[in-house]
Amino acid sequence: MAWGKKSQEGPPQAVVRAAVPARDKLVGAAWDELGQQWVVASHTRLAVVDQDGQVRQSWPWHEVDGGAWDPDSDTLRVTWVAGGGPTRWTLTGAGAHAFTDAFRDRVDASVVLMREVDLGPGRKTRVAIRKDLATRELIDQVVPGQRVRPDDEELNEQVAVARATLRDQSGLPPLGA
């Protein structure tokens, strides 16, 4: 198949130029057979680029919640800090495994501190301090688990404590300061 050969060779230079910001470095790329697009990882960003070099989407790594690789289907399932449904990419070619390694490395590199507040089923929230890898700025994030009710006062109180603790540990100013 033509795309299999393309993915073996790596992304065209137009794709790399479009996906990798100036003064950044390509760390992995793979052809997404499902979307007929390139998925590109640089030190600071994750991007989806069509074969002609048009950027379809681009995110800083701290906006990526995580990913799960299914080797049976060659599918990477990506979740996002902002929520919504996961994104799935079916990665093919020689760059697929290197890309998944780079993906994991970059997500991990953006995490400074993390704590999960777990009060039982439907009452879990993850609190994290993440780093914008382009600017080195620290950002605090609250990622509610599935079925978390916004009016769960006990959970909200524990999340506030965890958030304040992580902000203090990372050197971020207290909220409202």
N, C-alpha and C. Protein backbone atom coordinates (compact mmCIF):
# COMPACT_ATOMS: atom_id res chain seq x y z
N MET A 1 0.85 -1.17 0.00
CA MET A 1 0.00 0.00 0.00
C MET A 1 0.89 1.23 0.00
N ALA A 2 0.51 2.26 -0.71
CA ALA A 2 1.33 3.46 -0.86
C ALA A 2 1.61 4.14 0.47
N TRP A 3 0.61 4.23 1.35
CA TRP A 3 0.83 4.93 2.62
C TRP A 3 1.77 4.16 3.52
N GLY A 4 1.74 2.83 3.47
CA GLY A 4 2.68 2.04 4.26
C GLY A 4 4.11 2.40 3.92
N LYS A 5 4.39 2.57 2.63
CA LYS A 5 5.73 2.94 2.21
C LYS A 5 6.07 4.35 2.70
N LYS A 6 5.14 5.27 2.57
CA LYS A 6 5.36 6.64 3.05
C LYS A 6 5.67 6.65 4.54
N SER A 7 4.89 5.87 5.32
CA SER A 7 5.09 5.88 6.76
C SER A 7 6.42 5.23 7.14
N GLN A 8 6.92 4.33 6.31
CA GLN A 8 8.23 3.74 6.58
C GLN A 8 9.33 4.79 6.44
N GLU A 9 9.13 5.73 5.52
CA GLU A 9 10.15 6.73 5.24
C GLU A 9 10.12 7.90 6.22
N GLY A 10 9.07 8.04 6.96
CA GLY A 10 8.92 9.18 7.86
C GLY A 10 8.16 10.29 7.19
N PRO A 11 7.83 11.32 7.94
CA PRO A 11 6.99 12.38 7.39
C PRO A 11 7.74 13.24 6.37
N PRO A 12 7.03 13.76 5.38
CA PRO A 12 7.66 14.70 4.45
C PRO A 12 8.12 15.95 5.19
N GLN A 13 9.09 16.63 4.65
CA GLN A 13 9.63 17.85 5.28
C GLN A 13 8.55 18.91 5.48
N ALA A 14 7.58 19.00 4.58
CA ALA A 14 6.50 19.98 4.74
C ALA A 14 5.71 19.70 6.01
N VAL A 15 5.54 18.43 6.35
CA VAL A 15 4.82 18.05 7.57
C VAL A 15 5.65 18.44 8.79
N VAL A 16 6.94 18.14 8.76
CA VAL A 16 7.82 18.47 9.89
C VAL A 16 7.87 19.98 10.09
N ARG A 17 8.05 20.74 9.01
CA ARG A 17 8.11 22.21 9.12
C ARG A 17 6.82 22.78 9.70
N ALA A 18 5.68 22.22 9.31
CA ALA A 18 4.39 22.72 9.80
C ALA A 18 4.15 22.35 11.26
N ALA A 19 4.59 21.17 11.67
CA ALA A 19 4.25 20.65 13.00
C ALA A 19 5.22 21.06 14.10
N VAL A 20 6.47 21.31 13.74
CA VAL A 20 7.50 21.57 14.75
C VAL A 20 7.81 23.06 14.80
N PRO A 21 7.50 23.70 15.95
CA PRO A 21 7.77 25.14 16.06
C PRO A 21 9.25 25.47 15.91
N ALA A 22 9.54 26.71 15.54
CA ALA A 22 10.93 27.17 15.43
C ALA A 22 11.63 26.92 16.77
N ARG A 23 12.87 26.56 16.71
CA ARG A 23 13.72 26.29 17.87
C ARG A 23 13.25 25.08 18.68
N ASP A 24 12.41 24.26 18.09
CA ASP A 24 11.95 23.02 18.72
C ASP A 24 12.58 21.86 17.96
N LYS A 25 12.31 20.65 18.40
CA LYS A 25 12.92 19.48 17.76
C LYS A 25 11.89 18.36 17.61
N LEU A 26 11.88 17.73 16.46
CA LEU A 26 11.04 16.56 16.21
C LEU A 26 11.55 15.40 17.07
N VAL A 27 10.63 14.75 17.80
CA VAL A 27 11.03 13.59 18.60
C VAL A 27 10.32 12.31 18.17
N GLY A 28 9.29 12.43 17.32
CA GLY A 28 8.62 11.25 16.83
C GLY A 28 7.50 11.62 15.88
N ALA A 29 7.23 10.72 14.93
CA ALA A 29 6.13 10.93 13.99
C ALA A 29 5.66 9.56 13.51
N ALA A 30 4.35 9.46 13.29
CA ALA A 30 3.79 8.21 12.78
C ALA A 30 2.61 8.54 11.89
N TRP A 31 2.38 7.68 10.93
CA TRP A 31 1.24 7.82 10.03
C TRP A 31 0.01 7.22 10.71
N ASP A 32 -1.07 8.01 10.77
CA ASP A 32 -2.35 7.55 11.31
C ASP A 32 -3.18 7.04 10.14
N GLU A 33 -3.28 5.74 10.05
CA GLU A 33 -4.03 5.10 8.96
C GLU A 33 -5.51 5.44 9.03
N LEU A 34 -6.03 5.55 10.23
CA LEU A 34 -7.45 5.83 10.42
C LEU A 34 -7.83 7.21 9.88
N GLY A 35 -7.07 8.22 10.23
CA GLY A 35 -7.37 9.59 9.83
C GLY A 35 -6.66 10.06 8.58
N GLN A 36 -5.79 9.19 8.02
CA GLN A 36 -5.01 9.55 6.83
C GLN A 36 -4.27 10.87 7.09
N GLN A 37 -3.46 10.87 8.17
CA GLN A 37 -2.76 12.07 8.60
C GLN A 37 -1.50 11.67 9.37
N TRP A 38 -0.62 12.61 9.54
CA TRP A 38 0.57 12.42 10.35
C TRP A 38 0.30 12.90 11.76
N VAL A 39 0.79 12.15 12.74
CA VAL A 39 0.76 12.56 14.13
C VAL A 39 2.22 12.80 14.51
N VAL A 40 2.50 14.02 14.97
CA VAL A 40 3.89 14.47 15.13
C VAL A 40 4.12 14.96 16.55
N ALA A 41 5.21 14.48 17.14
CA ALA A 41 5.60 14.92 18.48
C ALA A 41 6.90 15.71 18.39
N SER A 42 6.85 16.92 18.96
CA SER A 42 8.08 17.68 19.14
C SER A 42 8.33 17.77 20.64
N HIS A 43 9.42 18.40 21.04
CA HIS A 43 9.68 18.54 22.48
C HIS A 43 8.55 19.27 23.18
N THR A 44 7.92 20.23 22.51
CA THR A 44 6.95 21.09 23.20
C THR A 44 5.50 20.88 22.78
N ARG A 45 5.25 20.19 21.65
CA ARG A 45 3.87 20.11 21.13
C ARG A 45 3.58 18.74 20.52
N LEU A 46 2.28 18.47 20.44
CA LEU A 46 1.73 17.32 19.74
C LEU A 46 0.87 17.89 18.61
N ALA A 47 1.05 17.41 17.40
CA ALA A 47 0.31 17.97 16.27
C ALA A 47 -0.20 16.87 15.35
N VAL A 48 -1.31 17.18 14.69
CA VAL A 48 -1.86 16.34 13.64
C VAL A 48 -1.80 17.16 12.37
N VAL A 49 -1.17 16.58 11.34
CA VAL A 49 -0.89 17.31 10.11
C VAL A 49 -1.30 16.45 8.92
N ASP A 50 -1.98 17.06 7.94
CA ASP A 50 -2.34 16.28 6.76
C ASP A 50 -1.10 16.10 5.88
N GLN A 51 -1.23 15.26 4.89
CA GLN A 51 -0.07 14.89 4.06
C GLN A 51 0.51 16.07 3.27
N ASP A 52 -0.25 17.16 3.12
CA ASP A 52 0.25 18.34 2.41
C ASP A 52 0.89 19.37 3.33
N GLY A 53 0.94 19.08 4.63
CA GLY A 53 1.58 19.99 5.56
C GLY A 53 0.65 20.98 6.23
N GLN A 54 -0.66 20.77 6.13
CA GLN A 54 -1.62 21.64 6.82
C GLN A 54 -1.86 21.09 8.23
N VAL A 55 -1.64 21.94 9.23
CA VAL A 55 -1.85 21.52 10.61
C VAL A 55 -3.36 21.46 10.89
N ARG A 56 -3.83 20.28 11.24
CA ARG A 56 -5.25 20.11 11.59
C ARG A 56 -5.49 20.49 13.04
N GLN A 57 -4.59 20.08 13.92
CA GLN A 57 -4.70 20.39 15.34
C GLN A 57 -3.30 20.38 15.95
N SER A 58 -3.14 21.15 17.02
CA SER A 58 -1.86 21.19 17.72
C SER A 58 -2.11 21.54 19.18
N TRP A 59 -1.42 20.86 20.07
CA TRP A 59 -1.62 21.05 21.50
C TRP A 59 -0.27 21.10 22.21
N PRO A 60 -0.14 21.92 23.25
CA PRO A 60 1.03 21.78 24.13
C PRO A 60 0.85 20.48 24.94
N TRP A 61 1.94 19.88 25.35
CA TRP A 61 1.87 18.59 26.03
C TRP A 61 1.07 18.62 27.32
N HIS A 62 1.04 19.76 28.01
CA HIS A 62 0.29 19.80 29.28
C HIS A 62 -1.22 19.71 29.08
N GLU A 63 -1.70 19.79 27.86
CA GLU A 63 -3.13 19.61 27.58
C GLU A 63 -3.49 18.15 27.31
N VAL A 64 -2.47 17.30 27.20
CA VAL A 64 -2.69 15.86 26.98
C VAL A 64 -2.77 15.20 28.35
N ASP A 65 -3.88 14.54 28.63
CA ASP A 65 -4.03 13.86 29.92
C ASP A 65 -3.22 12.58 29.94
N GLY A 66 -3.30 11.79 28.90
CA GLY A 66 -2.56 10.53 28.85
C GLY A 66 -2.92 9.75 27.60
N GLY A 67 -2.37 8.55 27.54
CA GLY A 67 -2.63 7.70 26.39
C GLY A 67 -2.51 6.24 26.76
N ALA A 68 -3.13 5.40 25.97
CA ALA A 68 -3.05 3.95 26.15
C ALA A 68 -2.83 3.31 24.78
N TRP A 69 -1.80 2.49 24.68
CA TRP A 69 -1.45 1.84 23.43
C TRP A 69 -2.02 0.43 23.42
N ASP A 70 -2.72 0.08 22.34
CA ASP A 70 -3.22 -1.27 22.13
C ASP A 70 -2.40 -1.90 21.01
N PRO A 71 -1.45 -2.77 21.35
CA PRO A 71 -0.59 -3.35 20.31
C PRO A 71 -1.32 -4.28 19.35
N ASP A 72 -2.45 -4.83 19.77
CA ASP A 72 -3.20 -5.73 18.88
C ASP A 72 -3.81 -4.98 17.71
N SER A 73 -4.24 -3.74 17.94
CA SER A 73 -4.87 -2.97 16.87
C SER A 73 -3.99 -1.80 16.40
N ASP A 74 -2.80 -1.66 17.00
CA ASP A 74 -1.89 -0.54 16.69
C ASP A 74 -2.58 0.80 16.90
N THR A 75 -3.42 0.88 17.94
CA THR A 75 -4.18 2.09 18.20
C THR A 75 -3.71 2.77 19.48
N LEU A 76 -3.49 4.07 19.38
CA LEU A 76 -3.18 4.90 20.53
C LEU A 76 -4.44 5.66 20.89
N ARG A 77 -4.91 5.48 22.11
CA ARG A 77 -6.11 6.17 22.62
C ARG A 77 -5.62 7.30 23.51
N VAL A 78 -5.95 8.53 23.14
CA VAL A 78 -5.46 9.72 23.83
C VAL A 78 -6.61 10.40 24.57
N THR A 79 -6.36 10.75 25.82
CA THR A 79 -7.35 11.50 26.60
C THR A 79 -6.79 12.90 26.85
N TRP A 80 -7.71 13.82 27.08
CA TRP A 80 -7.36 15.24 27.16
C TRP A 80 -7.74 15.83 28.51
N VAL A 81 -6.95 16.77 28.98
CA VAL A 81 -7.22 17.45 30.24
C VAL A 81 -8.58 18.14 30.20
N ALA A 82 -8.93 18.71 29.07
CA ALA A 82 -10.19 19.43 28.94
C ALA A 82 -11.40 18.50 28.92
N GLY A 83 -11.17 17.20 28.87
CA GLY A 83 -12.28 16.25 28.85
C GLY A 83 -12.74 15.96 27.44
N GLY A 84 -13.98 15.58 27.32
CA GLY A 84 -14.50 15.17 26.02
C GLY A 84 -14.08 13.74 25.75
N GLY A 85 -14.48 13.26 24.62
CA GLY A 85 -14.15 11.89 24.27
C GLY A 85 -12.69 11.73 23.90
N PRO A 86 -12.19 10.51 24.01
CA PRO A 86 -10.81 10.26 23.63
C PRO A 86 -10.62 10.34 22.11
N THR A 87 -9.40 10.55 21.72
CA THR A 87 -9.00 10.53 20.32
C THR A 87 -8.28 9.22 20.07
N ARG A 88 -8.53 8.61 18.92
CA ARG A 88 -7.86 7.36 18.58
C ARG A 88 -7.10 7.51 17.28
N TRP A 89 -5.84 7.07 17.30
CA TRP A 89 -5.01 7.06 16.10
C TRP A 89 -4.51 5.65 15.87
N THR A 90 -4.67 5.14 14.66
CA THR A 90 -4.14 3.83 14.28
C THR A 90 -2.81 4.09 13.59
N LEU A 91 -1.73 3.81 14.30
CA LEU A 91 -0.40 4.19 13.84
C LEU A 91 0.28 3.04 13.11
N THR A 92 0.83 3.36 11.94
CA THR A 92 1.48 2.34 11.12
C THR A 92 2.89 2.78 10.78
N GLY A 93 3.67 1.83 10.31
CA GLY A 93 5.02 2.14 9.84
C GLY A 93 6.06 2.02 10.93
N ALA A 94 7.30 2.19 10.51
CA ALA A 94 8.45 2.02 11.40
C ALA A 94 8.45 3.05 12.53
N GLY A 95 7.86 4.20 12.33
CA GLY A 95 7.89 5.24 13.35
C GLY A 95 6.86 5.09 14.45
N ALA A 96 5.96 4.12 14.34
CA ALA A 96 4.86 4.00 15.30
C ALA A 96 5.36 3.76 16.73
N HIS A 97 6.27 2.82 16.90
CA HIS A 97 6.74 2.51 18.26
C HIS A 97 7.60 3.63 18.83
N ALA A 98 8.42 4.23 18.00
CA ALA A 98 9.21 5.37 18.46
C ALA A 98 8.29 6.53 18.84
N PHE A 99 7.21 6.71 18.07
CA PHE A 99 6.26 7.77 18.40
C PHE A 99 5.61 7.52 19.75
N THR A 100 5.16 6.30 20.01
CA THR A 100 4.50 6.03 21.29
C THR A 100 5.47 6.22 22.46
N ASP A 101 6.73 5.88 22.26
CA ASP A 101 7.73 6.14 23.31
C ASP A 101 7.90 7.64 23.53
N ALA A 102 7.97 8.40 22.45
CA ALA A 102 8.11 9.86 22.55
C ALA A 102 6.86 10.46 23.19
N PHE A 103 5.70 9.95 22.84
CA PHE A 103 4.44 10.42 23.42
C PHE A 103 4.48 10.27 24.94
N ARG A 104 4.80 9.08 25.41
CA ARG A 104 4.86 8.83 26.85
C ARG A 104 5.90 9.72 27.53
N ASP A 105 7.06 9.85 26.91
CA ASP A 105 8.13 10.68 27.47
C ASP A 105 7.71 12.14 27.61
N ARG A 106 7.07 12.68 26.58
CA ARG A 106 6.67 14.10 26.60
C ARG A 106 5.54 14.37 27.60
N VAL A 107 4.57 13.46 27.69
CA VAL A 107 3.51 13.64 28.69
C VAL A 107 4.14 13.60 30.09
N ASP A 108 5.00 12.61 30.33
CA ASP A 108 5.66 12.50 31.63
C ASP A 108 6.51 13.73 31.93
N ALA A 109 7.19 14.27 30.93
CA ALA A 109 8.04 15.45 31.13
C ALA A 109 7.24 16.67 31.54
N SER A 110 5.97 16.71 31.17
CA SER A 110 5.15 17.87 31.51
C SER A 110 4.56 17.79 32.92
N VAL A 111 4.65 16.63 33.56
CA VAL A 111 4.08 16.46 34.90
C VAL A 111 5.15 16.78 35.93
N VAL A 112 4.86 17.76 36.79
CA VAL A 112 5.78 18.13 37.87
C VAL A 112 5.37 17.40 39.15
N LEU A 113 4.13 17.54 39.54
CA LEU A 113 3.58 16.88 40.72
C LEU A 113 2.15 16.44 40.41
N MET A 114 1.73 15.34 41.04
CA MET A 114 0.36 14.89 40.83
C MET A 114 -0.13 14.18 42.08
N ARG A 115 -1.40 14.37 42.36
CA ARG A 115 -2.04 13.69 43.48
C ARG A 115 -3.46 13.35 43.07
N GLU A 116 -3.88 12.14 43.42
CA GLU A 116 -5.27 11.75 43.16
C GLU A 116 -6.04 11.81 44.48
N VAL A 117 -7.16 12.49 44.45
CA VAL A 117 -8.07 12.52 45.58
C VAL A 117 -9.11 11.44 45.28
N ASP A 118 -9.17 10.42 46.12
CA ASP A 118 -10.03 9.27 45.88
C ASP A 118 -10.92 9.04 47.09
N LEU A 119 -12.20 9.38 46.94
CA LEU A 119 -13.16 9.16 48.01
C LEU A 119 -14.14 8.04 47.66
N GLY A 120 -13.76 7.19 46.70
CA GLY A 120 -14.60 6.06 46.33
C GLY A 120 -15.10 6.18 44.90
N PRO A 121 -15.88 5.21 44.44
CA PRO A 121 -16.39 5.21 43.07
C PRO A 121 -17.17 6.49 42.76
N GLY A 122 -16.85 7.09 41.62
CA GLY A 122 -17.51 8.32 41.20
C GLY A 122 -17.08 9.54 41.99
N ARG A 123 -16.02 9.39 42.78
CA ARG A 123 -15.56 10.48 43.64
C ARG A 123 -14.04 10.59 43.58
N LYS A 124 -13.51 10.55 42.37
CA LYS A 124 -12.07 10.66 42.17
C LYS A 124 -11.76 11.88 41.32
N THR A 125 -10.73 12.60 41.72
CA THR A 125 -10.27 13.74 40.94
C THR A 125 -8.75 13.78 41.03
N ARG A 126 -8.12 14.06 39.91
CA ARG A 126 -6.67 14.18 39.87
C ARG A 126 -6.29 15.65 39.87
N VAL A 127 -5.36 15.99 40.71
CA VAL A 127 -4.84 17.35 40.79
C VAL A 127 -3.37 17.28 40.39
N ALA A 128 -2.96 18.19 39.51
CA ALA A 128 -1.58 18.13 39.02
C ALA A 128 -1.01 19.52 38.84
N ILE A 129 0.31 19.58 38.96
CA ILE A 129 1.07 20.74 38.52
C ILE A 129 1.79 20.27 37.27
N ARG A 130 1.50 20.94 36.16
CA ARG A 130 2.11 20.58 34.87
C ARG A 130 2.97 21.73 34.39
N LYS A 131 3.87 21.41 33.49
CA LYS A 131 4.78 22.41 32.95
C LYS A 131 4.51 22.59 31.47
N ASP A 132 4.38 23.85 31.05
CA ASP A 132 4.34 24.15 29.62
C ASP A 132 5.78 24.00 29.14
N LEU A 133 6.05 22.99 28.33
CA LEU A 133 7.41 22.67 27.94
C LEU A 133 8.04 23.73 27.04
N ALA A 134 7.24 24.60 26.46
CA ALA A 134 7.78 25.68 25.61
C ALA A 134 8.24 26.86 26.45
N THR A 135 7.48 27.19 27.50
CA THR A 135 7.76 28.40 28.28
C THR A 135 8.32 28.09 29.66
N ARG A 136 8.20 26.83 30.10
CA ARG A 136 8.60 26.38 31.44
C ARG A 136 7.64 26.86 32.53
N GLU A 137 6.54 27.52 32.14
CA GLU A 137 5.55 28.00 33.09
C GLU A 137 4.85 26.81 33.75
N LEU A 138 4.59 26.94 35.06
CA LEU A 138 3.86 25.91 35.79
C LEU A 138 2.37 26.24 35.80
N ILE A 139 1.57 25.20 35.65
CA ILE A 139 0.12 25.34 35.55
C ILE A 139 -0.51 24.31 36.47
N ASP A 140 -1.49 24.73 37.27
CA ASP A 140 -2.18 23.71 38.06
C ASP A 140 -3.43 23.27 37.32
N GLN A 141 -3.72 21.98 37.45
CA GLN A 141 -4.85 21.39 36.75
C GLN A 141 -5.67 20.53 37.70
N VAL A 142 -6.96 20.56 37.51
CA VAL A 142 -7.88 19.69 38.24
C VAL A 142 -8.65 18.90 37.18
N VAL A 143 -8.49 17.58 37.22
CA VAL A 143 -9.12 16.71 36.22
C VAL A 143 -10.08 15.76 36.94
N PRO A 144 -11.38 16.09 36.92
CA PRO A 144 -12.35 15.22 37.59
C PRO A 144 -12.46 13.87 36.89
N GLY A 145 -12.67 12.84 37.70
CA GLY A 145 -12.90 11.51 37.15
C GLY A 145 -14.30 11.39 36.58
N GLN A 146 -14.57 10.23 36.02
CA GLN A 146 -15.90 9.99 35.45
C GLN A 146 -16.95 10.00 36.56
N ARG A 147 -18.09 10.51 36.26
CA ARG A 147 -19.26 10.53 37.14
C ARG A 147 -19.08 11.39 38.39
N VAL A 148 -18.08 12.26 38.42
CA VAL A 148 -17.91 13.16 39.55
C VAL A 148 -19.00 14.22 39.50
N ARG A 149 -19.67 14.42 40.62
CA ARG A 149 -20.71 15.44 40.71
C ARG A 149 -20.08 16.77 41.13
N PRO A 150 -20.37 17.85 40.42
CA PRO A 150 -19.80 19.15 40.78
C PRO A 150 -20.22 19.63 42.17
N ASP A 151 -21.33 19.11 42.70
CA ASP A 151 -21.82 19.56 44.01
C ASP A 151 -21.35 18.66 45.16
N ASP A 152 -20.37 17.80 44.93
CA ASP A 152 -19.83 16.93 45.98
C ASP A 152 -18.91 17.78 46.86
N GLU A 153 -19.47 18.32 47.93
CA GLU A 153 -18.73 19.26 48.79
C GLU A 153 -17.51 18.63 49.44
N GLU A 154 -17.62 17.41 49.92
CA GLU A 154 -16.48 16.76 50.56
C GLU A 154 -15.33 16.58 49.57
N LEU A 155 -15.65 16.13 48.37
CA LEU A 155 -14.62 15.96 47.34
C LEU A 155 -14.02 17.31 46.98
N ASN A 156 -14.86 18.31 46.79
CA ASN A 156 -14.36 19.64 46.44
C ASN A 156 -13.42 20.19 47.51
N GLU A 157 -13.73 19.95 48.78
CA GLU A 157 -12.86 20.41 49.87
C GLU A 157 -11.51 19.70 49.83
N GLN A 158 -11.54 18.40 49.60
CA GLN A 158 -10.28 17.63 49.54
C GLN A 158 -9.45 18.02 48.32
N VAL A 159 -10.11 18.29 47.22
CA VAL A 159 -9.41 18.75 46.01
C VAL A 159 -8.75 20.10 46.28
N ALA A 160 -9.46 21.00 46.97
CA ALA A 160 -8.91 22.31 47.29
C ALA A 160 -7.66 22.18 48.16
N VAL A 161 -7.67 21.27 49.11
CA VAL A 161 -6.50 21.03 49.97
C VAL A 161 -5.34 20.49 49.13
N ALA A 162 -5.63 19.51 48.29
CA ALA A 162 -4.58 18.93 47.44
C ALA A 162 -4.00 19.99 46.50
N ARG A 163 -4.86 20.79 45.94
CA ARG A 163 -4.41 21.84 45.02
C ARG A 163 -3.52 22.84 45.74
N ALA A 164 -3.93 23.28 46.93
CA ALA A 164 -3.12 24.23 47.70
C ALA A 164 -1.77 23.62 48.08
N THR A 165 -1.78 22.36 48.47
CA THR A 165 -0.54 21.67 48.85
C THR A 165 0.42 21.57 47.67
N LEU A 166 -0.09 21.16 46.51
CA LEU A 166 0.77 21.01 45.33
C LEU A 166 1.29 22.37 44.86
N ARG A 167 0.45 23.39 44.92
CA ARG A 167 0.91 24.73 44.54
C ARG A 167 2.04 25.17 45.47
N ASP A 168 1.89 24.92 46.75
CA ASP A 168 2.93 25.29 47.71
C ASP A 168 4.22 24.50 47.45
N GLN A 169 4.10 23.19 47.23
CA GLN A 169 5.26 22.35 46.99
C GLN A 169 6.01 22.73 45.72
N SER A 170 5.29 23.24 44.72
CA SER A 170 5.92 23.58 43.44
C SER A 170 6.42 25.02 43.40
N GLY A 171 6.09 25.81 44.41
CA GLY A 171 6.52 27.21 44.43
C GLY A 171 5.54 28.17 43.79
N LEU A 172 4.38 27.65 43.37
CA LEU A 172 3.34 28.54 42.83
C LEU A 172 2.71 29.32 43.98
N PRO A 173 2.28 30.54 43.73
CA PRO A 173 1.65 31.32 44.81
C PRO A 173 0.29 30.72 45.18
N PRO A 174 -0.15 30.96 46.41
CA PRO A 174 -1.48 30.48 46.80
C PRO A 174 -2.54 31.09 45.89
N LEU A 175 -3.64 30.39 45.72
CA LEU A 175 -4.75 30.92 44.94
C LEU A 175 -5.26 32.19 45.60
N GLY A 176 -5.57 33.18 44.82
CA GLY A 176 -6.08 34.44 45.33
C GLY A 176 -5.00 35.39 45.82
N ALA A 177 -3.74 34.97 45.72
CA ALA A 177 -2.65 35.84 46.19
C ALA A 177 -2.28 36.87 45.14
